[in-house]
Each structure stands twice: as structure tokens, then as C-alpha cells.
């Protein structure tokens, strides 16, 4: 999969919240630059704040 961010950089989105199901599964809820909220089930990786993504 190709990087989909600006100028071919990794696409990043802020994690707004974590949804925890009754089975203990955690799903990140993200918000993009346009304010759209969705789940991050299709994310390739989660990176702690302040760390640079590794290509």
C-alpha cells in the first residue's frame, strides 16, 4: 500500500477516543483534518504521539 498523506508521506490522523467492546476489543476512533470521525480498523500502524512514522 502506498502512503496517502501529503507528498507521499504516511497518512496520519488524531485518535479521538478508544471504543472498548464487551469482548475486550479496542478500536481507535479517529478524526481527520476535515473533522470527519471514523474508526481506524483499516490502520496499518498506531504510533505514539511525538514519534516519527517509519516508512
C-alpha atoms as a PDB file:
ATOM      1  CA  UNK A   1       0.000   0.000   0.000  1.00  0.00           C
ATOM      2  CA  UNK A   2       1.237   3.449  -0.929  1.00  0.00           C
ATOM      3  CA  UNK A   3       1.496   6.301   1.587  1.00  0.00           C
ATOM      4  CA  UNK A   4      -1.562   8.523   1.175  1.00  0.00           C
ATOM      5  CA  UNK A   5      -0.516  11.671   3.038  1.00  0.00           C
ATOM      6  CA  UNK A   6       0.784  14.946   1.622  1.00  0.00           C
ATOM      7  CA  UNK A   7       3.678  14.497  -0.833  1.00  0.00           C
ATOM      8  CA  UNK A   8       3.630  10.693  -0.383  1.00  0.00           C
ATOM      9  CA  UNK A   9       4.183  10.822   3.378  1.00  0.00           C
ATOM     10  CA  UNK A  10       2.399   8.427   5.756  1.00  0.00           C
ATOM     11  CA  UNK A  11      -1.218   9.406   6.342  1.00  0.00           C
ATOM     12  CA  UNK A  12      -1.797  10.337   9.980  1.00  0.00           C
ATOM     13  CA  UNK A  13      -4.950  11.070  11.924  1.00  0.00           C
ATOM     14  CA  UNK A  14      -5.555  12.034  15.555  1.00  0.00           C
ATOM     15  CA  UNK A  15      -7.064   9.374  17.829  1.00  0.00           C
ATOM     16  CA  UNK A  16     -10.163  10.959  19.343  1.00  0.00           C
ATOM     17  CA  UNK A  17     -11.169   8.054  21.585  1.00  0.00           C
ATOM     18  CA  UNK A  18     -10.877   4.308  22.115  1.00  0.00           C
ATOM     19  CA  UNK A  19     -14.031   2.202  21.853  1.00  0.00           C
ATOM     20  CA  UNK A  20     -13.828  -0.889  24.100  1.00  0.00           C
ATOM     21  CA  UNK A  21     -16.331  -3.661  23.356  1.00  0.00           C
ATOM     22  CA  UNK A  22     -17.829  -6.066  25.865  1.00  0.00           C
ATOM     23  CA  UNK A  23     -15.457  -8.724  24.454  1.00  0.00           C
ATOM     24  CA  UNK A  24     -12.452  -6.531  25.326  1.00  0.00           C
ATOM     25  CA  UNK A  25     -11.642  -5.477  21.745  1.00  0.00           C
ATOM     26  CA  UNK A  26     -10.248  -1.932  21.374  1.00  0.00           C
ATOM     27  CA  UNK A  27     -10.962   0.186  18.288  1.00  0.00           C
ATOM     28  CA  UNK A  28      -9.435   3.614  17.748  1.00  0.00           C
ATOM     29  CA  UNK A  29     -11.886   6.356  16.766  1.00  0.00           C
ATOM     30  CA  UNK A  30     -10.097   8.974  14.653  1.00  0.00           C
ATOM     31  CA  UNK A  31     -10.794  12.481  13.389  1.00  0.00           C
ATOM     32  CA  UNK A  32      -9.150  13.727  10.180  1.00  0.00           C
ATOM     33  CA  UNK A  33      -8.131  17.243   9.132  1.00  0.00           C
ATOM     34  CA  UNK A  34     -11.637  17.893   7.761  1.00  0.00           C
ATOM     35  CA  UNK A  35     -13.284  16.862  11.048  1.00  0.00           C
ATOM     36  CA  UNK A  36     -14.640  13.529   9.798  1.00  0.00           C
ATOM     37  CA  UNK A  37     -14.889  10.878  12.525  1.00  0.00           C
ATOM     38  CA  UNK A  38     -14.483   7.166  11.771  1.00  0.00           C
ATOM     39  CA  UNK A  39     -12.950   4.008  13.169  1.00  0.00           C
ATOM     40  CA  UNK A  40      -9.339   3.147  12.398  1.00  0.00           C
ATOM     41  CA  UNK A  41      -9.883  -0.573  11.751  1.00  0.00           C
ATOM     42  CA  UNK A  42      -8.010  -0.233   8.443  1.00  0.00           C
ATOM     43  CA  UNK A  43      -4.950   1.411  10.006  1.00  0.00           C
ATOM     44  CA  UNK A  44      -1.597  -0.156   9.210  1.00  0.00           C
ATOM     45  CA  UNK A  45       0.014   1.019  12.458  1.00  0.00           C
ATOM     46  CA  UNK A  46      -0.510   3.106  15.590  1.00  0.00           C
ATOM     47  CA  UNK A  47       2.296   5.481  16.534  1.00  0.00           C
ATOM     48  CA  UNK A  48       2.653   7.173  19.946  1.00  0.00           C
ATOM     49  CA  UNK A  49       2.360  10.980  19.967  1.00  0.00           C
ATOM     50  CA  UNK A  50       5.622  12.754  19.185  1.00  0.00           C
ATOM     51  CA  UNK A  51       7.225   9.844  17.325  1.00  0.00           C
ATOM     52  CA  UNK A  52       8.003   9.997  13.619  1.00  0.00           C
ATOM     53  CA  UNK A  53       6.318   7.354  11.447  1.00  0.00           C
ATOM     54  CA  UNK A  54       8.704   4.817   9.956  1.00  0.00           C
ATOM     55  CA  UNK A  55       8.270   4.375   6.201  1.00  0.00           C
END
